[in-house]
Every structure is written in C-alpha cells, then in structure tokens.
N, C-alpha and C. Protein backbone atom coordinates (compact mmCIF):
# COMPACT_ATOMS: atom_id res chain seq x y z
N MET A 1 -10.13 -25.28 56.78
CA MET A 1 -11.58 -25.24 56.33
C MET A 1 -11.74 -23.96 55.25
N LYS A 2 -10.94 -23.06 55.46
CA LYS A 2 -11.18 -22.06 54.90
C LYS A 2 -10.97 -21.93 53.55
N LYS A 3 -9.88 -22.72 53.25
CA LYS A 3 -8.89 -23.10 51.91
C LYS A 3 -10.24 -24.15 51.49
N PHE A 4 -10.64 -25.00 51.76
CA PHE A 4 -12.00 -25.73 51.40
C PHE A 4 -13.06 -24.88 50.83
N LEU A 5 -13.44 -24.06 51.63
CA LEU A 5 -14.46 -23.25 51.13
C LEU A 5 -14.26 -22.25 50.01
N LEU A 6 -12.80 -21.85 50.47
CA LEU A 6 -12.73 -20.90 48.99
C LEU A 6 -12.25 -21.81 47.63
N GLY A 7 -11.69 -22.52 47.69
CA GLY A 7 -11.42 -23.80 46.51
C GLY A 7 -13.30 -24.30 46.23
N LEU A 8 -14.27 -24.04 47.25
CA LEU A 8 -15.30 -24.85 46.71
C LEU A 8 -16.16 -23.69 45.72
N LEU A 9 -15.87 -22.24 46.35
CA LEU A 9 -16.24 -21.44 45.57
C LEU A 9 -15.51 -21.00 44.30
N LEU A 10 -14.33 -21.26 44.22
CA LEU A 10 -13.62 -21.02 43.17
C LEU A 10 -14.39 -22.04 41.89
N SER A 11 -14.48 -23.06 42.31
CA SER A 11 -14.48 -23.90 41.44
C SER A 11 -16.47 -23.81 40.70
N SER A 12 -16.93 -23.18 41.66
CA SER A 12 -18.29 -23.06 41.15
C SER A 12 -18.31 -21.87 40.19
N VAL A 13 -17.32 -21.07 40.16
CA VAL A 13 -17.46 -19.49 39.38
C VAL A 13 -16.69 -20.26 38.21
N VAL A 14 -15.59 -20.94 38.41
CA VAL A 14 -15.06 -21.21 37.16
C VAL A 14 -15.87 -22.23 36.02
N GLY A 15 -16.89 -23.03 36.43
CA GLY A 15 -17.18 -23.73 35.38
C GLY A 15 -18.25 -23.31 34.56
N VAL A 16 -17.71 -22.97 33.38
CA VAL A 16 -18.67 -22.29 32.10
C VAL A 16 -18.69 -23.44 31.14
N ALA A 17 -19.15 -23.37 29.83
CA ALA A 17 -19.61 -24.09 28.71
C ALA A 17 -18.27 -24.08 28.06
N GLN A 18 -18.30 -25.16 27.68
CA GLN A 18 -17.14 -25.52 26.20
C GLN A 18 -17.54 -25.05 24.84
N ALA A 19 -16.39 -24.63 24.09
CA ALA A 19 -16.89 -23.97 22.97
C ALA A 19 -16.68 -25.33 22.28
N GLU A 20 -17.96 -25.38 21.10
CA GLU A 20 -17.96 -26.58 20.07
C GLU A 20 -18.80 -26.12 18.94
N LEU A 21 -18.15 -26.48 17.65
CA LEU A 21 -18.07 -26.23 16.46
C LEU A 21 -18.36 -27.90 15.86
N GLN A 22 -19.38 -28.29 15.44
CA GLN A 22 -19.48 -29.92 15.12
C GLN A 22 -19.87 -29.75 13.31
N ILE A 23 -19.26 -30.87 12.87
CA ILE A 23 -19.72 -30.89 11.48
C ILE A 23 -20.72 -32.13 11.28
N ILE A 24 -22.29 -32.07 11.01
CA ILE A 24 -23.07 -32.40 10.88
C ILE A 24 -23.34 -33.31 9.55
N ASN A 25 -23.49 -34.61 9.47
CA ASN A 25 -23.41 -35.52 8.34
C ASN A 25 -22.00 -35.37 7.48
N PRO A 26 -21.10 -35.48 8.09
CA PRO A 26 -19.72 -35.68 7.18
C PRO A 26 -19.99 -36.63 6.12
N LEU A 27 -19.42 -36.24 5.17
CA LEU A 27 -19.53 -36.83 4.11
C LEU A 27 -17.80 -36.43 3.05
N GLY A 28 -17.12 -37.16 3.04
CA GLY A 28 -16.09 -37.26 2.30
C GLY A 28 -16.10 -36.45 0.79
N VAL A 29 -15.60 -35.59 0.47
CA VAL A 29 -15.24 -35.23 -0.72
C VAL A 29 -13.95 -34.94 -1.46
N GLU A 30 -13.50 -35.17 -2.55
CA GLU A 30 -12.25 -35.15 -3.32
C GLU A 30 -12.42 -34.27 -4.17
N PHE A 31 -11.53 -33.68 -4.27
CA PHE A 31 -11.66 -32.62 -5.68
C PHE A 31 -10.32 -32.25 -6.16
N SER A 32 -10.13 -31.54 -7.49
CA SER A 32 -8.98 -30.88 -8.09
C SER A 32 -9.51 -29.72 -8.20
N GLY A 33 -7.99 -28.61 -8.73
CA GLY A 33 -8.29 -27.27 -9.37
C GLY A 33 -8.62 -26.33 -8.55
N TYR A 34 -7.94 -26.61 -6.82
CA TYR A 34 -8.09 -25.70 -6.17
C TYR A 34 -7.43 -24.52 -5.99
N ASP A 35 -7.16 -23.56 -6.51
CA ASP A 35 -5.81 -22.55 -6.87
C ASP A 35 -6.38 -21.09 -6.89
N GLY A 36 -5.56 -20.01 -7.66
CA GLY A 36 -6.05 -18.94 -7.91
C GLY A 36 -5.45 -18.36 -6.30
N GLU A 37 -6.33 -17.15 -6.34
CA GLU A 37 -5.90 -16.39 -5.04
C GLU A 37 -5.97 -17.14 -3.65
N PRO A 38 -7.35 -17.96 -3.21
CA PRO A 38 -7.54 -18.59 -2.20
C PRO A 38 -6.24 -19.61 -1.98
N ALA A 39 -5.65 -19.97 -2.95
CA ALA A 39 -4.40 -20.91 -2.94
C ALA A 39 -3.30 -20.44 -2.09
N THR A 40 -3.36 -18.90 -2.64
CA THR A 40 -1.69 -18.47 -2.33
C THR A 40 -2.03 -17.71 -0.74
N ILE A 41 -3.26 -17.81 -0.16
CA ILE A 41 -3.14 -17.57 1.03
C ILE A 41 -3.49 -18.68 2.20
N THR A 42 -4.55 -19.79 1.76
CA THR A 42 -4.85 -21.01 2.33
C THR A 42 -3.69 -22.07 2.01
N GLY A 43 -3.06 -22.09 0.96
CA GLY A 43 -2.44 -23.15 0.36
C GLY A 43 -3.45 -24.38 -0.03
N PRO A 44 -3.12 -25.02 -1.35
CA PRO A 44 -3.90 -26.22 -2.19
C PRO A 44 -4.68 -27.25 -0.98
N TYR A 45 -6.14 -27.19 -1.58
CA TYR A 45 -6.80 -28.87 -0.89
C TYR A 45 -7.31 -29.52 -1.80
N SER A 46 -7.11 -30.72 -2.09
CA SER A 46 -7.67 -31.59 -2.99
C SER A 46 -8.64 -32.28 -2.13
N SER A 47 -9.28 -32.28 -0.73
CA SER A 47 -10.26 -32.92 -0.18
C SER A 47 -10.77 -32.25 1.13
N GLY A 48 -11.87 -32.90 1.25
CA GLY A 48 -12.54 -31.95 2.42
C GLY A 48 -13.87 -32.57 2.87
N LEU A 49 -14.81 -31.80 3.61
CA LEU A 49 -16.30 -32.66 4.13
C LEU A 49 -17.18 -32.18 3.19
N TRP A 50 -18.50 -32.69 2.81
CA TRP A 50 -19.59 -31.89 2.69
C TRP A 50 -20.56 -31.96 4.08
N GLY A 51 -21.44 -31.46 4.46
CA GLY A 51 -22.39 -31.36 5.83
C GLY A 51 -22.34 -30.27 6.01
N TYR A 52 -22.74 -29.76 7.41
CA TYR A 52 -23.28 -28.37 7.73
C TYR A 52 -22.49 -28.40 9.25
N LEU A 53 -22.55 -26.85 9.86
CA LEU A 53 -21.87 -26.67 10.69
C LEU A 53 -23.13 -26.54 11.80
N SER A 54 -22.73 -26.39 12.87
CA SER A 54 -23.55 -26.58 14.09
C SER A 54 -22.93 -26.43 15.45
N ALA A 55 -23.32 -25.02 16.16
CA ALA A 55 -22.80 -24.88 17.56
C ALA A 55 -23.78 -25.88 18.52
N THR A 56 -22.58 -26.24 19.34
CA THR A 56 -23.66 -26.90 20.13
C THR A 56 -23.95 -26.05 21.81
N THR A 57 -23.72 -24.83 21.61
CA THR A 57 -23.84 -24.05 22.56
C THR A 57 -23.86 -22.69 21.93
N SER A 58 -24.62 -21.49 22.41
CA SER A 58 -24.44 -19.90 21.88
C SER A 58 -22.78 -19.61 22.09
N GLY A 59 -22.87 -18.39 21.50
CA GLY A 59 -21.03 -17.98 20.79
C GLY A 59 -21.59 -16.79 19.58
N THR A 60 -20.16 -16.55 19.30
CA THR A 60 -20.06 -15.98 18.29
C THR A 60 -19.31 -16.79 17.16
N PHE A 61 -19.95 -16.29 16.15
CA PHE A 61 -19.53 -17.21 14.92
C PHE A 61 -18.97 -16.15 14.07
N SER A 62 -17.61 -16.09 13.25
CA SER A 62 -16.93 -15.01 12.56
C SER A 62 -16.49 -16.09 11.52
N ALA A 63 -16.44 -15.01 10.26
CA ALA A 63 -16.00 -15.85 8.74
C ALA A 63 -15.24 -14.39 8.38
N THR A 64 -14.11 -14.54 7.62
CA THR A 64 -13.45 -13.91 7.24
C THR A 64 -12.76 -14.11 6.11
N TYR A 65 -12.97 -13.47 4.87
CA TYR A 65 -12.63 -13.54 3.61
C TYR A 65 -11.36 -13.74 2.97
N LEU A 66 -10.98 -14.86 2.35
CA LEU A 66 -9.69 -15.23 2.42
C LEU A 66 -9.84 -15.42 0.77
N GLY A 67 -10.53 -15.06 0.00
CA GLY A 67 -10.35 -14.71 -1.74
C GLY A 67 -11.45 -15.68 -2.49
N ASN A 68 -11.05 -15.52 -3.52
CA ASN A 68 -11.80 -16.04 -4.71
C ASN A 68 -11.42 -16.62 -5.98
N GLU A 69 -11.98 -17.63 -6.94
CA GLU A 69 -11.15 -17.61 -7.88
C GLU A 69 -12.37 -17.83 -8.94
N SER A 70 -13.32 -17.29 -8.69
CA SER A 70 -14.75 -17.04 -10.02
C SER A 70 -14.67 -16.29 -10.67
N GLY A 71 -14.02 -15.12 -10.71
CA GLY A 71 -14.53 -13.99 -11.81
C GLY A 71 -16.03 -13.62 -11.71
N TYR A 72 -17.04 -14.09 -10.55
CA TYR A 72 -18.28 -13.91 -10.34
C TYR A 72 -18.34 -12.93 -8.91
N GLU A 73 -19.27 -12.13 -9.14
CA GLU A 73 -19.88 -11.66 -7.45
C GLU A 73 -20.62 -12.64 -6.64
N ASN A 74 -19.78 -13.92 -6.14
CA ASN A 74 -20.59 -14.38 -5.13
C ASN A 74 -20.26 -14.10 -3.67
N ILE A 75 -21.39 -14.07 -2.92
CA ILE A 75 -21.18 -13.41 -1.58
C ILE A 75 -21.53 -14.35 -0.11
N TYR A 76 -21.05 -13.99 0.65
CA TYR A 76 -21.44 -14.89 2.09
C TYR A 76 -22.43 -14.24 2.97
N VAL A 77 -23.09 -14.59 3.12
CA VAL A 77 -24.34 -13.37 4.13
C VAL A 77 -24.88 -14.47 5.30
N THR A 78 -24.90 -13.44 6.65
CA THR A 78 -25.25 -14.38 7.57
C THR A 78 -26.69 -13.81 8.06
N ILE A 79 -27.46 -14.59 9.01
CA ILE A 79 -28.77 -14.07 9.48
C ILE A 79 -29.16 -12.81 9.50
N GLY A 80 -28.09 -11.84 10.33
CA GLY A 80 -28.32 -10.49 10.21
C GLY A 80 -28.12 -9.78 8.84
N LEU A 81 -27.74 -10.26 8.33
CA LEU A 81 -27.27 -9.68 6.76
C LEU A 81 -26.33 -8.85 6.51
N ASP A 82 -24.94 -9.51 7.27
CA ASP A 82 -23.58 -9.08 7.68
C ASP A 82 -23.44 -9.72 5.91
N LEU A 83 -22.45 -8.58 5.29
CA LEU A 83 -22.09 -9.62 3.95
C LEU A 83 -20.61 -10.02 3.71
N LEU A 84 -20.11 -10.60 3.09
CA LEU A 84 -18.70 -10.74 2.62
C LEU A 84 -18.82 -10.85 1.07
N VAL A 85 -18.20 -9.88 0.39
CA VAL A 85 -18.52 -9.86 -1.09
C VAL A 85 -17.02 -9.91 -1.64
N GLU A 86 -16.91 -10.24 -2.84
CA GLU A 86 -15.64 -10.61 -3.58
C GLU A 86 -14.62 -9.05 -3.54
N SER A 87 -15.47 -7.76 -3.24
CA SER A 87 -14.81 -6.82 -3.62
C SER A 87 -14.31 -6.42 -2.56
N ASN A 88 -14.97 -7.27 -1.63
CA ASN A 88 -13.99 -6.90 0.20
C ASN A 88 -12.50 -6.85 -0.16
N ALA A 89 -11.67 -6.22 0.73
CA ALA A 89 -10.23 -6.56 1.14
C ALA A 89 -10.38 -8.04 1.71
N ILE A 90 -9.33 -8.72 1.29
CA ILE A 90 -9.13 -10.10 2.01
C ILE A 90 -8.76 -9.63 3.38
N GLY A 91 -9.12 -10.49 4.07
CA GLY A 91 -9.14 -10.11 5.67
C GLY A 91 -10.25 -9.56 6.37
N THR A 92 -11.15 -9.09 5.36
CA THR A 92 -12.36 -8.27 6.02
C THR A 92 -13.16 -9.21 6.77
N THR A 93 -13.82 -9.18 8.09
CA THR A 93 -14.40 -10.36 8.79
C THR A 93 -15.78 -9.51 9.02
N VAL A 94 -16.87 -10.60 9.37
CA VAL A 94 -18.22 -10.32 9.95
C VAL A 94 -18.27 -11.25 10.93
N SER A 95 -19.25 -10.95 11.94
CA SER A 95 -19.09 -11.86 13.15
C SER A 95 -20.73 -11.75 13.68
N THR A 96 -21.45 -12.89 13.74
CA THR A 96 -23.00 -13.03 14.34
C THR A 96 -22.86 -13.58 15.76
N GLU A 97 -24.27 -13.12 16.35
CA GLU A 97 -23.96 -13.97 17.87
C GLU A 97 -25.19 -15.12 17.32
N VAL A 98 -24.72 -16.27 17.89
CA VAL A 98 -25.32 -17.57 17.11
C VAL A 98 -25.92 -18.07 18.62
N SER A 99 -27.17 -18.99 18.12
CA SER A 99 -27.79 -19.93 19.24
C SER A 99 -27.22 -21.22 19.42
N ALA A 100 -27.26 -22.15 20.31
CA ALA A 100 -26.90 -23.75 19.37
C ALA A 100 -28.04 -24.07 18.66
N GLY A 101 -26.98 -24.84 17.89
CA GLY A 101 -28.19 -25.71 16.55
C GLY A 101 -27.21 -25.17 15.36
N THR A 102 -27.50 -25.66 14.24
CA THR A 102 -27.05 -25.23 12.87
C THR A 102 -27.02 -23.66 12.76
N VAL A 103 -25.99 -23.45 12.12
CA VAL A 103 -25.18 -21.85 12.36
C VAL A 103 -25.94 -21.17 10.97
N PRO A 104 -26.53 -19.76 11.37
CA PRO A 104 -27.30 -19.58 10.02
C PRO A 104 -26.62 -18.52 9.17
N PHE A 105 -26.12 -19.18 7.99
CA PHE A 105 -25.07 -18.47 6.96
C PHE A 105 -25.97 -19.09 5.68
N ALA A 106 -25.45 -18.35 4.54
CA ALA A 106 -25.89 -18.96 3.16
C ALA A 106 -24.24 -18.27 2.29
N PHE A 107 -24.21 -19.01 1.34
CA PHE A 107 -23.76 -18.76 0.15
C PHE A 107 -24.49 -18.33 -1.11
N LEU A 108 -24.34 -17.07 -1.97
CA LEU A 108 -24.86 -16.95 -3.01
C LEU A 108 -24.26 -16.24 -4.38
N ASP A 109 -24.26 -16.90 -5.12
CA ASP A 109 -24.14 -16.27 -6.36
C ASP A 109 -24.44 -15.34 -7.44
N SER A 110 -23.73 -14.56 -8.38
CA SER A 110 -24.43 -13.81 -8.96
C SER A 110 -25.64 -13.61 -9.74
N THR A 111 -26.01 -15.27 -10.00
CA THR A 111 -27.57 -14.92 -10.73
C THR A 111 -28.24 -15.45 -9.17
N PHE A 112 -28.09 -15.04 -8.10
CA PHE A 112 -28.83 -15.43 -6.72
C PHE A 112 -29.33 -16.82 -6.42
N THR A 113 -28.68 -17.89 -6.68
CA THR A 113 -28.77 -19.32 -6.64
C THR A 113 -27.63 -18.99 -5.48
N TYR A 114 -28.51 -19.86 -4.41
CA TYR A 114 -28.35 -19.55 -3.16
C TYR A 114 -28.15 -21.32 -2.52
N PHE A 115 -27.47 -21.04 -1.55
CA PHE A 115 -26.91 -22.66 -0.91
C PHE A 115 -26.74 -22.19 1.01
N ILE A 116 -28.14 -22.50 1.59
CA ILE A 116 -28.01 -22.39 2.99
C ILE A 116 -27.45 -23.50 3.61
N ASN A 117 -26.64 -23.02 4.90
CA ASN A 117 -25.90 -23.87 5.90
C ASN A 117 -26.92 -25.06 6.49
N GLY A 118 -27.26 -26.24 6.00
CA GLY A 118 -28.04 -27.41 6.49
C GLY A 118 -28.58 -27.95 5.08
N SER A 119 -28.31 -27.08 4.37
CA SER A 119 -29.22 -27.84 2.79
C SER A 119 -28.07 -28.99 2.30
N ALA A 120 -28.96 -29.37 1.37
CA ALA A 120 -28.25 -30.72 0.82
C ALA A 120 -27.23 -30.39 -0.23
N GLN A 121 -26.15 -30.98 -0.16
CA GLN A 121 -24.82 -30.56 -1.25
C GLN A 121 -25.33 -31.27 -2.37
N THR A 122 -24.77 -30.70 -3.42
CA THR A 122 -24.67 -31.49 -5.03
C THR A 122 -23.27 -30.57 -5.36
N PRO A 123 -22.67 -31.53 -6.43
CA PRO A 123 -20.94 -31.18 -6.69
C PRO A 123 -21.41 -29.71 -7.51
N VAL A 124 -22.53 -29.41 -7.88
CA VAL A 124 -22.51 -28.54 -8.62
C VAL A 124 -22.58 -26.90 -7.82
N LEU A 125 -23.14 -26.84 -6.59
CA LEU A 125 -23.74 -26.08 -5.37
C LEU A 125 -23.43 -26.15 -3.88
N GLY A 126 -22.42 -25.54 -3.59
CA GLY A 126 -22.41 -25.83 -2.04
C GLY A 126 -21.29 -25.59 -1.79
N PHE A 127 -20.75 -25.60 -0.48
CA PHE A 127 -19.42 -25.78 0.17
C PHE A 127 -19.00 -27.09 0.44
N ALA A 128 -17.62 -26.80 0.57
CA ALA A 128 -16.64 -27.95 1.11
C ALA A 128 -16.09 -27.64 2.78
N ILE A 129 -16.16 -27.99 3.21
CA ILE A 129 -15.51 -27.80 4.87
C ILE A 129 -14.20 -28.16 5.12
N LEU A 130 -12.92 -27.48 4.70
CA LEU A 130 -11.56 -27.89 4.39
C LEU A 130 -11.04 -27.59 5.76
N GLU A 131 -10.32 -28.60 6.60
CA GLU A 131 -9.01 -28.41 7.32
C GLU A 131 -8.67 -27.27 7.86
N GLY A 132 -8.79 -27.13 9.19
CA GLY A 132 -8.91 -25.29 9.71
C GLY A 132 -7.25 -25.08 9.77
N GLN A 133 -7.00 -23.79 9.80
CA GLN A 133 -5.68 -23.54 9.91
C GLN A 133 -4.98 -22.08 9.59
N ALA A 134 -4.12 -21.93 10.52
CA ALA A 134 -3.75 -20.45 10.80
C ALA A 134 -2.65 -19.69 9.43
N ASN A 135 -3.49 -18.52 9.11
CA ASN A 135 -2.68 -17.59 8.21
C ASN A 135 -2.74 -16.50 8.86
N GLN A 136 -1.65 -15.67 7.45
CA GLN A 136 -2.03 -14.28 8.24
C GLN A 136 -3.33 -13.43 8.52
N TYR A 137 -4.47 -14.19 8.27
CA TYR A 137 -5.63 -13.38 8.80
C TYR A 137 -6.51 -14.00 9.79
N GLY A 138 -5.83 -14.89 10.28
CA GLY A 138 -6.67 -15.42 11.72
C GLY A 138 -6.17 -17.06 11.81
N ASP A 139 -6.59 -17.62 13.06
CA ASP A 139 -6.26 -19.05 13.05
C ASP A 139 -7.84 -19.48 13.19
N PHE A 140 -8.35 -20.51 12.11
CA PHE A 140 -9.53 -20.80 11.61
C PHE A 140 -9.75 -22.19 12.28
N ASP A 141 -11.15 -22.04 12.96
CA ASP A 141 -11.72 -23.85 13.08
C ASP A 141 -11.63 -24.86 11.92
N TYR A 142 -12.30 -23.81 10.86
CA TYR A 142 -12.41 -24.49 9.59
C TYR A 142 -12.42 -23.59 8.21
N ILE A 143 -11.54 -24.10 7.27
CA ILE A 143 -11.80 -23.30 5.79
C ILE A 143 -13.23 -23.68 4.88
N LEU A 144 -14.05 -22.76 4.85
CA LEU A 144 -15.17 -22.97 3.85
C LEU A 144 -14.83 -22.59 2.44
N GLY A 145 -14.79 -23.60 1.49
CA GLY A 145 -14.45 -23.06 0.23
C GLY A 145 -15.94 -23.26 -0.93
N PHE A 146 -16.37 -22.50 -1.20
CA PHE A 146 -17.88 -22.14 -1.94
C PHE A 146 -17.39 -22.38 -3.00
N ASN A 147 -18.48 -23.40 -4.32
CA ASN A 147 -18.21 -23.61 -5.45
C ASN A 147 -19.70 -22.77 -5.89
N ASP A 148 -19.52 -22.53 -6.92
CA ASP A 148 -20.82 -21.31 -7.25
C ASP A 148 -21.43 -22.41 -8.34
N SER A 149 -22.75 -21.93 -9.12
CA SER A 149 -23.32 -22.71 -9.85
C SER A 149 -23.29 -22.69 -11.53
N PHE A 150 -22.02 -21.90 -11.83
CA PHE A 150 -21.39 -21.53 -13.00
C PHE A 150 -20.66 -22.39 -14.23
N SER A 151 -20.52 -23.57 -13.17
CA SER A 151 -19.77 -24.79 -14.12
C SER A 151 -19.57 -25.84 -13.34
N ASN A 152 -19.51 -27.05 -13.85
CA ASN A 152 -19.64 -28.34 -12.95
C ASN A 152 -18.39 -28.51 -12.38
N ASP A 153 -17.23 -27.26 -12.14
CA ASP A 153 -15.59 -28.00 -11.70
C ASP A 153 -15.35 -28.17 -10.36
N ALA A 154 -16.48 -28.32 -9.40
CA ALA A 154 -16.10 -28.30 -8.07
C ALA A 154 -14.89 -28.35 -7.49
N ASP A 155 -14.48 -27.20 -7.75
CA ASP A 155 -13.27 -27.11 -7.27
C ASP A 155 -12.81 -25.97 -5.71
N TYR A 156 -13.97 -25.69 -5.43
CA TYR A 156 -14.54 -25.01 -3.85
C TYR A 156 -13.48 -24.16 -3.58
N ASP A 157 -13.11 -23.61 -4.45
CA ASP A 157 -12.33 -21.86 -4.58
C ASP A 157 -13.35 -21.40 -5.15
N ASP A 158 -14.36 -21.00 -5.46
CA ASP A 158 -15.08 -19.67 -6.17
C ASP A 158 -15.32 -18.78 -4.81
N PHE A 159 -15.40 -19.04 -3.65
CA PHE A 159 -15.28 -18.13 -2.85
C PHE A 159 -14.86 -18.83 -1.65
N VAL A 160 -13.95 -18.08 -0.75
CA VAL A 160 -13.43 -19.05 0.22
C VAL A 160 -13.42 -17.98 1.43
N VAL A 161 -13.99 -18.45 2.65
CA VAL A 161 -14.11 -17.83 4.09
C VAL A 161 -13.26 -18.95 5.04
N GLY A 162 -12.82 -18.13 6.01
CA GLY A 162 -12.09 -19.03 7.10
C GLY A 162 -12.93 -18.54 8.34
N VAL A 163 -13.19 -19.84 8.89
CA VAL A 163 -14.46 -19.48 10.31
C VAL A 163 -14.17 -20.26 11.64
N LYS A 164 -14.64 -19.07 12.58
CA LYS A 164 -14.12 -19.51 14.33
C LYS A 164 -15.01 -19.02 15.08
N PHE A 165 -15.32 -19.87 15.68
CA PHE A 165 -16.55 -20.17 16.88
C PHE A 165 -15.89 -19.85 18.06
N VAL A 166 -16.30 -18.95 18.66
CA VAL A 166 -15.91 -18.48 20.34
C VAL A 166 -17.45 -18.63 21.25
N ALA A 167 -17.49 -19.70 22.09
CA ALA A 167 -18.61 -19.94 22.84
C ALA A 167 -18.66 -18.67 24.07
N ALA A 168 -20.18 -18.41 24.05
CA ALA A 168 -20.31 -17.30 24.69
C ALA A 168 -19.79 -17.75 26.66
N ALA A 169 -19.29 -17.06 27.50
CA ALA A 169 -18.74 -17.46 28.79
C ALA A 169 -20.22 -17.40 29.55
N VAL A 170 -21.10 -17.98 29.55
CA VAL A 170 -22.27 -18.27 30.82
C VAL A 170 -22.02 -19.16 31.68
N PRO A 171 -22.06 -18.87 32.77
CA PRO A 171 -22.06 -19.93 34.00
C PRO A 171 -23.13 -21.14 33.36
N GLU A 172 -22.88 -22.53 33.48
CA GLU A 172 -24.18 -23.60 33.35
C GLU A 172 -24.73 -23.12 34.85
N PRO A 173 -26.48 -23.64 34.25
CA PRO A 173 -27.07 -23.75 35.49
C PRO A 173 -26.58 -24.10 37.16
N GLU A 174 -26.26 -24.97 36.98
CA GLU A 174 -26.02 -25.75 38.30
C GLU A 174 -24.37 -25.20 38.59
N THR A 175 -23.88 -24.30 37.70
CA THR A 175 -23.03 -22.98 38.50
C THR A 175 -23.48 -22.40 39.46
N TYR A 176 -24.91 -21.92 39.06
CA TYR A 176 -24.97 -20.90 39.91
C TYR A 176 -25.69 -21.33 41.23
N ALA A 177 -25.88 -22.77 41.19
CA ALA A 177 -26.56 -23.45 42.58
C ALA A 177 -25.15 -23.65 43.44
N MET A 178 -24.28 -23.94 42.63
CA MET A 178 -22.80 -24.24 43.61
C MET A 178 -22.25 -23.04 43.92
N MET A 179 -22.12 -21.75 43.41
CA MET A 179 -21.90 -20.50 43.64
C MET A 179 -22.74 -20.20 45.10
N LEU A 180 -24.08 -20.14 44.85
CA LEU A 180 -24.56 -19.89 45.96
C LEU A 180 -24.49 -20.81 47.39
N ILE A 181 -24.29 -21.84 47.03
CA ILE A 181 -23.83 -22.81 48.42
C ILE A 181 -22.89 -22.59 48.96
N GLY A 182 -21.43 -22.18 48.02
CA GLY A 182 -20.17 -22.11 48.68
C GLY A 182 -20.41 -20.29 49.16
N ILE A 183 -21.21 -19.34 48.88
CA ILE A 183 -21.25 -18.36 49.63
C ILE A 183 -22.13 -18.33 50.73
N GLY A 184 -22.84 -19.36 50.87
CA GLY A 184 -23.60 -19.50 52.09
C GLY A 184 -22.55 -20.10 53.24
N MET A 185 -22.05 -21.20 52.27
CA MET A 185 -21.05 -21.88 53.53
C MET A 185 -20.04 -20.69 54.05
N VAL A 186 -19.41 -19.87 53.28
CA VAL A 186 -18.57 -18.79 53.74
C VAL A 186 -19.49 -17.93 54.88
N GLY A 187 -20.48 -17.36 54.33
CA GLY A 187 -21.06 -16.57 55.02
C GLY A 187 -21.20 -17.38 56.56
N PHE A 188 -21.93 -18.41 56.89
CA PHE A 188 -21.88 -19.36 57.72
C PHE A 188 -20.88 -19.50 58.74
N ALA A 189 -19.42 -19.70 57.78
CA ALA A 189 -18.19 -19.66 58.65
C ALA A 189 -18.21 -18.81 59.28
N ALA A 190 -18.00 -17.42 58.61
CA ALA A 190 -17.84 -15.87 58.93
C ALA A 190 -18.91 -15.46 60.04
N ARG A 191 -20.07 -16.00 60.23
CA ARG A 191 -21.09 -15.32 61.03
C ARG A 191 -20.38 -16.61 62.66
N ARG A 192 -19.86 -18.16 62.77
CA ARG A 192 -19.85 -18.72 63.63
C ARG A 192 -18.34 -18.15 63.96
N ARG A 193 -17.37 -17.64 63.49
CA ARG A 193 -16.19 -16.97 63.91
C ARG A 193 -16.48 -16.23 64.42
N LYS A 194 -17.36 -15.04 64.44
CA LYS A 194 -17.78 -13.92 65.08
C LYS A 194 -18.41 -14.17 66.02
N ASN A 195 -19.49 -15.41 66.33
CA ASN A 195 -20.12 -15.76 67.76
C ASN A 195 -19.07 -16.14 68.72
N ASN A 196 -18.22 -17.24 67.89
CA ASN A 196 -16.85 -17.36 69.04
C ASN A 196 -16.18 -16.73 69.74
N GLN A 197 -15.90 -15.42 69.10
CA GLN A 197 -15.12 -14.65 69.27
C GLN A 197 -15.85 -13.52 70.76
N VAL A 198 -17.14 -13.31 70.67
CA VAL A 198 -17.81 -12.89 71.48
C VAL A 198 -17.70 -13.46 72.94
C-alpha cells in the first residue's frame, strides 16, 4: 500500500509539459552559395524550409550568432530588444522568455528593412530554417539563415544564428489535482495507522 501511494505521489509530481518548437507552414526551398564564415562553422547548406517558428508551450528561446557573409550590418532582435549584430563575437547568445505561439523575433538589415517571424517569405528577404546541428557553439534545434535585401542571391548566409528552445518546467493543471489526491491519501493512511496503534 505504501509503495502504491508513493508511486502515485511521484507520478503526479513528475508530469511536466514537454518542450516543442514547431515549423508552421513549412515550404521547401533550395538554394546555392551558402558559404563564407557561416559555412566554416555550420557546414554548407543547399536546402531548408520557409515557414515560421512557433512554441507549443512557454519557455526560453535562445539564439546564438554563428556568422555572416553579407558585408553589411544585419541584426537579429527579440521582443525584449536584445540584439545580435555582426560585430558580436561568434558564439554570443541572447535569450528571451516566450509564451506559447509564434516566437517573437525579427531580422533587420542595414537599410532597416525588416523581417518578422510569422511574416510571408520572399526570395529577396527572409530566413530559411535549416536542419539543426551541434557545433562548437552549441547543440541547436534549428539554424536560421537570413537573406537580406541587398541582392537577389537568396543564399541564406547573410546573418546566421542557431536557435534552441527549452520549455518551462511547470506542472500541468491536472498534475496539481493528482498531487493533492496523493498527499491526501498519504495523510489518510498515516492517520489510519496511528488510530490502529492506539
């Protein structure tokens, strides 16, 4: 009986939300010319996805600067106005707390032409979502390759960041009910045992 109650209590405490970062409206895109500084860190890419990133739960969204090939001053910015710029050291990371839904970030080029996550893509301006991978700067869910508005090369290496999402470890609402039931059962069993000893 004790083992059953302990198991019930532990199972109620362990149930937490799972981390998930989804690509919404994915559309395959092929390109060439991904090279320069980003390729020395991530390796070359020739395909990815257009779409936008959405979190299924609240958590921390981090972006790590992995290089550029543009020669211009492109920027990655979060809703909290944390910036990554081309003058940052490679490996610089910014993080922001996000709620479930579209992850709030944008890319800007030096003409202040901007692209917000969730906006419609064009070959001239936007980012490709590339397969995530581990490198010396982290283990990333995805690599984002931004293409600025200066040319129609669409090589998605003008500003490159690796992104990672970690869900907040918050018990789900039904977990609280299960935990209260488990605590109540443990209390009931302890009181019953005490009464039987008297």
